[in-house]
Amino acid sequence: RDGSSEEIVPPWKSPPKIVWKQPVGEGHSSPIVAGGKVFLHTKVAKANEEQIEACDADSGPRLWRQSYDRGKTVNPQGKDVYFTTPFGNGPRASPAVADGKVYTFGITGILACWNAADGKLLWQVDTLKQYRAANLFFGISGSPLVEGDLVVVNVGAKGASIVAFDKNTGKEVWKALDDKASYSSPIAAGAGNERQFIFLTAKGLVGLAARDGRLLWQFPFQDALFESSTTPVLVGGLLFGSSITRGAVGLSIAGDQVEKRWSRDDLTCYFSTPVAVGNDHLYVVTGTKPPALVNQALLHCIDAATGAKLWTRKEKVGTYHASLVRTGNDKLLLLEETGHLVMIEPSPKQYYELCRAKICGNTWAHPALANGRLFIRDGNELLCVDLK
């Protein structure tokens, strides 16, 4: 969950070719690749249902598709409604695959486990209903984190802000905190007994012991609009956190101790995950800090130790968003919101572009890089692009 890949991608001299494409349903959930399959979570057209489907990664045919009714949800005003929201009504959280199972977390809080081979539903939990939590304005968006025998999500209920479920049965293992949910996805850090889950909840950044959910540390970082969405990132011994109105913060974490090293109110990430190159530099996509008449997403290189901006690309990379992937030879792939794919030579001195190509329509989904191919979904299609 750090935006990195071991794959080496050479600069292209002509636009990468589309190997195959398939029409898809509504959503911003990213495709994931495992075991020769591409999995995608979307909304069923003209129905209050969501679906998980698997396509053959090599050639594109759909192998299976399963759907479920997502029911009603309690909105932030406490009303029981069919879910609708601006900026799309499909799933936002990306699935996870582990040990032959696919885990999905729907926009109305339904956590489900599927057999990756044939799509059979193995278990399902309506987390918002079970823990009596209201949905977020834009819907549940944090992706599930699978760790050992646990699948962990940010539910946002009192006494059950964060819940760990048995990944094989869906039974609750532990729950913790009273914070409301954010739109951010969690990460895991540390080894052995020091292993911890790091969440950005509605109230701020927190670390929980992976074994039992015990609170290790917390750092207040509440977004004024309650729209925190960016995944926390570890770089050079520091934890980077950001939100739309609070800017960014660099924290040092040692067991149950947390210390602020720096903060900047102008590094306002919307929902792009920053990517580290080495231990010193972080590449960050920010949006315009509210209130603003015009939104503009920009790419920056920052000093991880101090938060200082080393450079900012002059041209915008989107209105709100762009995705970053670090390759195995430390190049950066930037997928702009408009569907332009760019390869960058990372440098703290200046922005240096190696090549670019238009590969898809507008997208907020993160791409998946596997076996020399890039898998990406835009508003209409799932595409497989050859980068070899």
Protein backbone atom coordinates (compact mmCIF):
# COMPACT_ATOMS: atom_id res chain seq x y z
CA ARG A 1 0.00 0.00 0.00
CA ASP A 2 2.92 2.33 -0.73
CA GLY A 3 2.42 2.82 -4.48
CA SER A 4 5.45 0.73 -5.43
CA SER A 5 6.12 -2.13 -7.83
CA GLU A 6 9.16 -4.34 -8.44
CA GLU A 7 8.53 -4.25 -12.19
CA ILE A 8 10.87 -2.37 -14.49
CA VAL A 9 9.07 -0.33 -17.14
CA PRO A 10 11.17 1.08 -20.00
CA PRO A 11 10.33 4.49 -21.47
CA TRP A 12 8.13 4.08 -24.51
CA LYS A 13 9.00 5.56 -27.92
CA SER A 14 5.49 5.19 -29.32
CA PRO A 15 2.15 5.21 -27.46
CA PRO A 16 1.58 1.96 -25.49
CA LYS A 17 -0.93 -0.35 -27.13
CA ILE A 18 -4.26 -1.37 -25.61
CA VAL A 19 -4.28 -5.18 -25.44
CA TRP A 20 -7.95 -5.49 -24.48
CA LYS A 21 -10.81 -3.60 -22.89
CA GLN A 22 -14.16 -4.41 -21.32
CA PRO A 23 -17.17 -2.20 -20.49
CA VAL A 24 -17.65 -1.76 -16.73
CA GLY A 25 -20.18 -0.41 -14.26
CA GLU A 26 -20.01 2.77 -12.22
CA GLY A 27 -17.40 3.31 -9.50
CA HIS A 28 -13.96 4.60 -8.56
CA SER A 29 -12.71 1.32 -7.08
CA SER A 30 -9.36 0.31 -8.58
CA PRO A 31 -8.72 -2.94 -10.44
CA ILE A 32 -6.42 -5.43 -8.74
CA VAL A 33 -4.52 -8.36 -10.27
CA ALA A 34 -3.83 -11.76 -8.69
CA GLY A 35 -3.49 -15.31 -9.94
CA GLY A 36 -3.94 -14.38 -13.59
CA LYS A 37 -7.22 -12.54 -12.93
CA VAL A 38 -8.24 -8.89 -12.80
CA PHE A 39 -10.85 -8.14 -10.13
CA LEU A 40 -13.07 -5.07 -10.21
CA HIS A 41 -15.85 -3.86 -7.87
CA THR A 42 -18.61 -1.77 -9.48
CA LYS A 43 -22.28 -0.77 -9.25
CA VAL A 44 -24.91 -2.68 -11.21
CA ALA A 45 -26.62 -0.38 -13.73
CA LYS A 46 -30.19 0.72 -12.85
CA ALA A 47 -30.22 -1.33 -9.64
CA ASN A 48 -29.40 -0.84 -5.96
CA GLU A 49 -26.75 -3.52 -6.25
CA GLU A 50 -22.99 -3.85 -6.40
CA GLN A 51 -20.97 -6.51 -8.19
CA ILE A 52 -17.53 -8.06 -8.10
CA GLU A 53 -16.22 -9.53 -11.33
CA ALA A 54 -13.11 -11.32 -12.53
CA CYS A 55 -11.60 -11.08 -16.00
CA ASP A 56 -8.77 -13.05 -17.57
CA ALA A 57 -5.73 -10.78 -17.21
CA ASP A 58 -4.13 -12.08 -20.38
CA SER A 59 -6.96 -11.67 -22.87
CA GLY A 60 -9.87 -9.98 -21.08
CA PRO A 61 -12.87 -12.35 -21.13
CA ARG A 62 -15.07 -12.19 -18.05
CA LEU A 63 -14.62 -15.36 -15.99
CA TRP A 64 -17.34 -14.72 -13.39
CA ARG A 65 -19.49 -11.99 -11.91
CA GLN A 66 -21.46 -11.92 -8.65
CA SER A 67 -23.80 -9.21 -7.38
CA TYR A 68 -25.55 -8.35 -4.10
CA ASP A 69 -28.22 -5.95 -2.90
CA ARG A 70 -26.58 -3.15 -0.96
CA GLY A 71 -29.80 -2.24 0.87
CA LYS A 72 -30.48 1.10 2.50
CA THR A 73 -28.08 3.11 4.59
CA VAL A 74 -28.32 5.69 7.36
CA ASN A 75 -27.12 9.02 5.98
CA PRO A 76 -25.27 11.66 8.07
CA GLN A 77 -28.66 13.22 8.94
CA GLY A 78 -29.82 9.93 10.49
CA LYS A 79 -32.31 9.01 7.75
CA ASP A 80 -32.60 5.50 6.31
CA VAL A 81 -32.20 6.00 2.54
CA TYR A 82 -31.07 4.42 -0.70
CA PHE A 83 -27.57 5.73 -1.15
CA THR A 84 -26.83 8.49 -3.65
CA THR A 85 -24.06 11.06 -3.62
CA PRO A 86 -22.25 13.54 -5.86
CA PHE A 87 -19.27 12.27 -7.89
CA GLY A 88 -20.70 8.80 -8.49
CA ASN A 89 -22.70 6.11 -6.69
CA GLY A 90 -20.44 3.11 -7.28
CA PRO A 91 -17.89 1.52 -4.94
CA ARG A 92 -14.81 3.55 -4.05
CA ALA A 93 -12.80 1.11 -1.90
CA SER A 94 -10.50 -1.23 -3.81
CA PRO A 95 -10.68 -5.00 -3.19
CA ALA A 96 -7.92 -7.08 -1.60
CA VAL A 97 -6.89 -10.66 -2.45
CA ALA A 98 -5.31 -13.09 0.00
CA ASP A 99 -5.07 -16.90 0.04
CA GLY A 100 -7.51 -17.40 -2.82
CA LYS A 101 -10.15 -15.05 -1.43
CA VAL A 102 -11.30 -11.59 -2.57
CA TYR A 103 -12.42 -9.00 0.01
CA THR A 104 -14.68 -6.09 -0.96
CA PHE A 105 -15.97 -3.14 1.07
CA GLY A 106 -18.99 -1.53 -0.57
CA ILE A 107 -20.07 2.10 -0.54
CA THR A 108 -22.83 1.28 1.99
CA GLY A 109 -20.45 -0.56 4.33
CA ILE A 110 -21.02 -4.17 3.26
CA LEU A 111 -17.83 -6.16 3.80
CA ALA A 112 -17.77 -9.41 1.82
CA CYS A 113 -15.46 -12.32 1.12
CA TRP A 114 -15.55 -14.20 -2.21
CA ASN A 115 -13.83 -17.27 -3.61
CA ALA A 116 -11.36 -15.92 -6.18
CA ALA A 117 -11.67 -19.04 -8.37
CA ASP A 118 -15.42 -18.92 -9.03
CA GLY A 119 -16.90 -15.92 -7.20
CA LYS A 120 -18.80 -17.90 -4.58
CA LEU A 121 -19.84 -15.72 -1.63
CA LEU A 122 -18.14 -17.07 1.51
CA TRP A 123 -19.37 -14.52 4.08
CA GLN A 124 -20.80 -11.01 4.30
CA VAL A 125 -21.19 -8.40 7.08
CA ASP A 126 -23.30 -5.23 6.86
CA THR A 127 -20.91 -3.25 9.07
CA LEU A 128 -22.91 -0.01 9.30
CA LYS A 129 -26.06 -1.88 10.32
CA GLN A 130 -24.30 -4.26 12.71
CA TYR A 131 -22.47 -1.45 14.54
CA ARG A 132 -25.18 1.22 14.15
CA ALA A 133 -23.06 3.71 12.24
CA ALA A 134 -24.16 6.39 9.79
CA ASN A 135 -22.67 6.38 6.31
CA LEU A 136 -20.32 9.09 5.10
CA PHE A 137 -21.57 11.81 2.75
CA PHE A 138 -19.63 10.30 -0.19
CA GLY A 139 -20.03 6.73 1.09
CA ILE A 140 -17.63 4.25 2.65
CA SER A 141 -14.33 4.50 0.74
CA GLY A 142 -11.47 3.05 2.82
CA SER A 143 -10.09 -0.15 1.31
CA PRO A 144 -9.91 -3.31 3.49
CA LEU A 145 -6.50 -4.27 4.84
CA VAL A 146 -5.73 -8.00 5.10
CA GLU A 147 -3.06 -8.86 7.66
CA GLY A 148 -2.42 -12.40 8.89
CA ASP A 149 -5.82 -13.85 9.83
CA LEU A 150 -7.49 -10.44 9.99
CA VAL A 151 -9.28 -8.11 7.60
CA VAL A 152 -9.44 -4.62 9.11
CA VAL A 153 -11.68 -1.68 8.16
CA ASN A 154 -12.73 1.76 9.40
CA VAL A 155 -16.44 1.40 10.27
CA GLY A 156 -16.82 4.65 12.21
CA ALA A 157 -19.19 3.52 14.99
CA LYS A 158 -19.02 4.38 18.67
CA GLY A 159 -16.88 1.72 20.29
CA ALA A 160 -16.24 0.26 16.84
CA SER A 161 -14.47 2.92 14.85
CA ILE A 162 -11.99 0.31 13.68
CA VAL A 163 -12.97 -3.35 13.51
CA ALA A 164 -10.88 -6.44 12.81
CA PHE A 165 -12.73 -9.46 11.42
CA ASP A 166 -11.57 -13.04 11.03
CA LYS A 167 -10.73 -13.20 7.33
CA ASN A 168 -12.03 -16.78 7.03
CA THR A 169 -15.36 -16.44 8.85
CA GLY A 170 -16.24 -12.73 9.03
CA LYS A 171 -16.55 -12.95 12.83
CA GLU A 172 -15.44 -9.97 14.89
CA VAL A 173 -12.00 -10.42 16.50
CA TRP A 174 -11.64 -6.97 18.09
CA LYS A 175 -12.96 -3.43 17.83
CA ALA A 176 -11.60 -0.11 19.04
CA LEU A 177 -12.19 3.65 19.44
CA ASP A 178 -15.17 5.95 19.01
CA ASP A 179 -13.97 8.01 16.02
CA LYS A 180 -16.18 8.45 12.99
CA ALA A 181 -14.78 7.04 9.76
CA SER A 182 -12.79 8.91 7.15
CA TYR A 183 -12.40 8.07 3.45
CA SER A 184 -8.79 6.99 3.98
CA SER A 185 -7.33 3.47 3.77
CA PRO A 186 -5.14 2.01 6.55
CA ILE A 187 -1.58 0.69 6.43
CA ALA A 188 0.41 -1.76 8.57
CA ALA A 189 3.88 -1.08 9.98
CA GLY A 190 6.45 -2.66 12.30
CA ALA A 191 7.36 -6.30 12.88
CA GLY A 192 6.45 -9.02 15.36
CA ASN A 193 4.92 -7.73 18.59
CA GLU A 194 5.53 -4.17 17.34
CA ARG A 195 3.21 -4.63 14.35
CA GLN A 196 0.55 -1.93 14.23
CA PHE A 197 -2.29 -0.65 12.05
CA ILE A 198 -2.20 3.04 11.18
CA PHE A 199 -5.49 4.74 10.32
CA LEU A 200 -6.49 8.28 9.47
CA THR A 201 -9.96 8.48 11.06
CA ALA A 202 -12.25 11.52 11.11
CA LYS A 203 -10.48 12.72 14.27
CA GLY A 204 -6.89 12.09 13.26
CA LEU A 205 -4.03 9.64 12.86
CA VAL A 206 -3.96 6.62 15.19
CA GLY A 207 -1.86 3.53 15.72
CA LEU A 208 -3.40 0.28 17.04
CA ALA A 209 -1.65 -2.92 18.08
CA ALA A 210 -2.36 -5.44 15.31
CA ARG A 211 -2.86 -8.31 17.80
CA ASP A 212 -5.67 -6.87 19.89
CA GLY A 213 -6.54 -3.34 18.72
CA ARG A 214 -4.99 -1.68 21.76
CA LEU A 215 -4.48 2.05 21.21
CA LEU A 216 -0.75 2.80 20.97
CA TRP A 217 -0.82 6.46 19.99
CA GLN A 218 -3.00 9.13 18.44
CA PHE A 219 -2.42 12.51 16.83
CA PRO A 220 -5.33 14.98 16.39
CA PHE A 221 -5.70 15.84 12.70
CA GLN A 222 -9.37 16.56 12.01
CA ASP A 223 -10.35 17.90 8.61
CA ALA A 224 -12.76 20.84 8.76
CA LEU A 225 -14.89 19.29 5.99
CA PHE A 226 -14.55 15.72 7.34
CA GLU A 227 -13.15 14.69 3.96
CA SER A 228 -9.82 13.12 4.93
CA SER A 229 -9.07 10.61 2.17
CA THR A 230 -5.33 10.20 1.68
CA THR A 231 -3.60 6.97 2.71
CA PRO A 232 -0.84 7.60 5.29
CA VAL A 233 2.67 6.91 3.96
CA LEU A 234 5.93 5.94 5.70
CA VAL A 235 9.12 7.50 4.33
CA GLY A 236 12.57 7.76 5.88
CA GLY A 237 11.31 6.92 9.36
CA LEU A 238 8.51 9.49 9.23
CA LEU A 239 4.77 9.08 8.77
CA PHE A 240 3.18 11.48 6.25
CA GLY A 241 -0.49 12.36 6.68
CA SER A 242 -2.58 14.86 4.77
CA SER A 243 -6.15 16.13 4.30
CA ILE A 244 -8.04 18.71 2.27
CA THR A 245 -8.17 21.54 4.82
CA ARG A 246 -5.37 20.68 7.28
CA GLY A 247 -2.49 20.39 4.84
CA ALA A 248 0.17 17.83 5.75
CA VAL A 249 2.12 16.65 8.77
CA GLY A 250 5.28 14.59 9.29
CA LEU A 251 5.31 12.41 12.43
CA SER A 252 7.98 10.22 14.00
CA ILE A 253 6.55 7.03 15.52
CA ALA A 254 8.40 4.88 18.05
CA GLY A 255 6.22 2.15 19.59
CA ASP A 256 3.54 4.03 21.50
CA GLN A 257 5.22 7.42 21.16
CA VAL A 258 4.41 10.00 18.47
CA GLU A 259 6.10 13.34 17.81
CA LYS A 260 5.35 16.02 15.22
CA ARG A 261 8.43 16.91 13.18
CA TRP A 262 6.83 19.36 10.77
CA SER A 263 3.54 20.56 9.31
CA ARG A 264 2.51 22.53 6.21
CA ASP A 265 -0.93 23.93 5.51
CA ASP A 266 -0.37 24.13 1.73
CA LEU A 267 0.16 20.40 1.06
CA THR A 268 -3.54 19.57 0.82
CA CYS A 269 -3.95 16.07 -0.62
CA TYR A 270 -7.46 15.17 -1.77
CA PHE A 271 -7.25 11.40 -2.32
CA SER A 272 -4.03 10.67 -4.17
CA THR A 273 -1.54 8.49 -2.29
CA PRO A 274 1.94 10.07 -2.10
CA VAL A 275 4.88 7.91 -3.19
CA ALA A 276 8.38 7.82 -1.70
CA VAL A 277 11.54 7.42 -3.77
CA GLY A 278 14.36 6.49 -1.42
CA ASN A 279 14.25 7.68 2.19
CA ASP A 280 14.53 11.38 1.53
CA HIS A 281 11.98 12.44 -1.05
CA LEU A 282 8.22 12.16 -1.39
CA TYR A 283 6.17 12.88 -4.51
CA VAL A 284 2.80 14.34 -3.64
CA VAL A 285 -0.31 15.33 -5.63
CA THR A 286 -2.23 18.13 -3.94
CA GLY A 287 -5.53 19.86 -4.64
CA THR A 288 -6.57 23.45 -4.04
CA LYS A 289 -7.25 24.25 -0.40
CA PRO A 290 -10.93 25.21 0.19
CA PRO A 291 -12.57 27.59 -0.30
CA ALA A 292 -11.55 27.98 -3.93
CA LEU A 293 -13.35 28.99 -7.11
CA VAL A 294 -11.09 26.81 -9.28
CA ASN A 295 -9.69 23.42 -8.24
CA GLN A 296 -6.27 22.42 -9.49
CA ALA A 297 -4.23 19.29 -8.76
CA LEU A 298 -0.45 19.77 -8.79
CA LEU A 299 2.56 17.46 -8.47
CA HIS A 300 5.29 18.32 -5.95
CA CYS A 301 8.58 16.84 -4.78
CA ILE A 302 9.10 17.43 -1.07
CA ASP A 303 11.87 16.85 1.43
CA ALA A 304 10.49 14.10 3.65
CA ALA A 305 12.45 15.19 6.71
CA THR A 306 11.29 18.82 6.69
CA GLY A 307 8.23 19.01 4.42
CA ALA A 308 9.95 21.65 2.28
CA LYS A 309 8.80 21.84 -1.34
CA LEU A 310 11.76 21.18 -3.63
CA TRP A 311 9.79 21.82 -6.82
CA THR A 312 6.25 22.02 -8.17
CA ARG A 313 5.27 21.11 -11.70
CA LYS A 314 3.73 24.20 -13.29
CA GLU A 315 1.03 22.42 -15.29
CA LYS A 316 -1.83 20.83 -13.39
CA VAL A 317 -2.17 17.04 -13.39
CA GLY A 318 -5.94 17.09 -12.86
CA THR A 319 -8.80 18.93 -11.23
CA TYR A 320 -8.64 16.91 -8.00
CA HIS A 321 -6.45 13.89 -8.56
CA ALA A 322 -3.67 11.94 -10.24
CA SER A 323 -2.18 8.52 -9.36
CA LEU A 324 1.49 7.65 -8.81
CA VAL A 325 3.34 4.31 -9.08
CA ARG A 326 7.06 3.81 -8.39
CA THR A 327 8.63 1.17 -10.65
CA GLY A 328 11.38 -1.32 -9.78
CA ASN A 329 14.04 0.93 -11.32
CA ASP A 330 12.77 4.00 -9.43
CA LYS A 331 10.91 5.67 -12.26
CA LEU A 332 7.51 7.20 -11.53
CA LEU A 333 4.38 6.48 -13.53
CA LEU A 334 1.89 9.32 -13.23
CA LEU A 335 -1.68 8.68 -14.40
CA GLU A 336 -3.26 12.09 -14.76
CA GLU A 337 -6.96 12.58 -14.11
CA THR A 338 -7.52 13.12 -17.85
CA GLY A 339 -6.15 9.66 -18.69
CA HIS A 340 -2.64 10.69 -19.77
CA LEU A 341 0.09 8.31 -18.62
CA VAL A 342 3.45 9.96 -17.92
CA MET A 343 6.84 8.48 -17.03
CA ILE A 344 8.97 10.71 -14.80
CA GLU A 345 12.65 10.56 -13.88
CA PRO A 346 12.53 11.35 -10.14
CA SER A 347 14.88 14.13 -9.08
CA PRO A 348 14.86 16.57 -6.16
CA LYS A 349 16.24 19.26 -8.50
CA GLN A 350 13.51 19.50 -11.14
CA TYR A 351 10.54 17.85 -12.83
CA TYR A 352 11.83 15.68 -15.69
CA GLU A 353 9.40 13.93 -18.03
CA LEU A 354 10.62 10.95 -20.03
CA CYS A 355 7.50 10.17 -22.10
CA ARG A 356 3.72 10.46 -22.09
CA ALA A 357 0.67 9.00 -23.87
CA LYS A 358 -3.11 9.24 -23.69
CA ILE A 359 -4.40 5.81 -22.65
CA CYS A 360 -7.93 6.21 -21.23
CA GLY A 361 -10.73 8.61 -20.35
CA ASN A 362 -11.05 10.59 -17.13
CA THR A 363 -10.35 8.47 -14.05
CA TRP A 364 -9.97 8.68 -10.28
CA ALA A 365 -8.99 5.01 -9.94
CA HIS A 366 -5.45 3.88 -9.20
CA PRO A 367 -3.86 1.65 -11.87
CA ALA A 368 -2.53 -1.86 -11.25
CA LEU A 369 0.86 -2.81 -12.74
CA ALA A 370 1.38 -6.53 -13.36
CA ASN A 371 3.52 -8.55 -15.77
CA GLY A 372 4.45 -5.58 -17.92
CA ARG A 373 0.88 -4.44 -18.27
CA LEU A 374 -1.07 -1.59 -16.73
CA PHE A 375 -4.70 -2.24 -15.79
CA ILE A 376 -6.89 0.83 -15.37
CA ARG A 377 -10.57 1.66 -15.29
CA ASP A 378 -12.04 4.95 -16.44
CA GLY A 379 -15.68 6.02 -16.40
CA ASN A 380 -16.71 3.40 -18.96
CA GLU A 381 -14.11 0.71 -19.46
CA LEU A 382 -11.52 -1.57 -17.90
CA LEU A 383 -8.38 -1.44 -20.04
CA CYS A 384 -5.21 -3.51 -20.28
CA VAL A 385 -2.24 -1.53 -21.66
CA ASP A 386 1.05 -3.13 -22.75
CA LEU A 387 4.11 -1.36 -21.24
CA LYS A 388 6.74 -3.98 -22.13
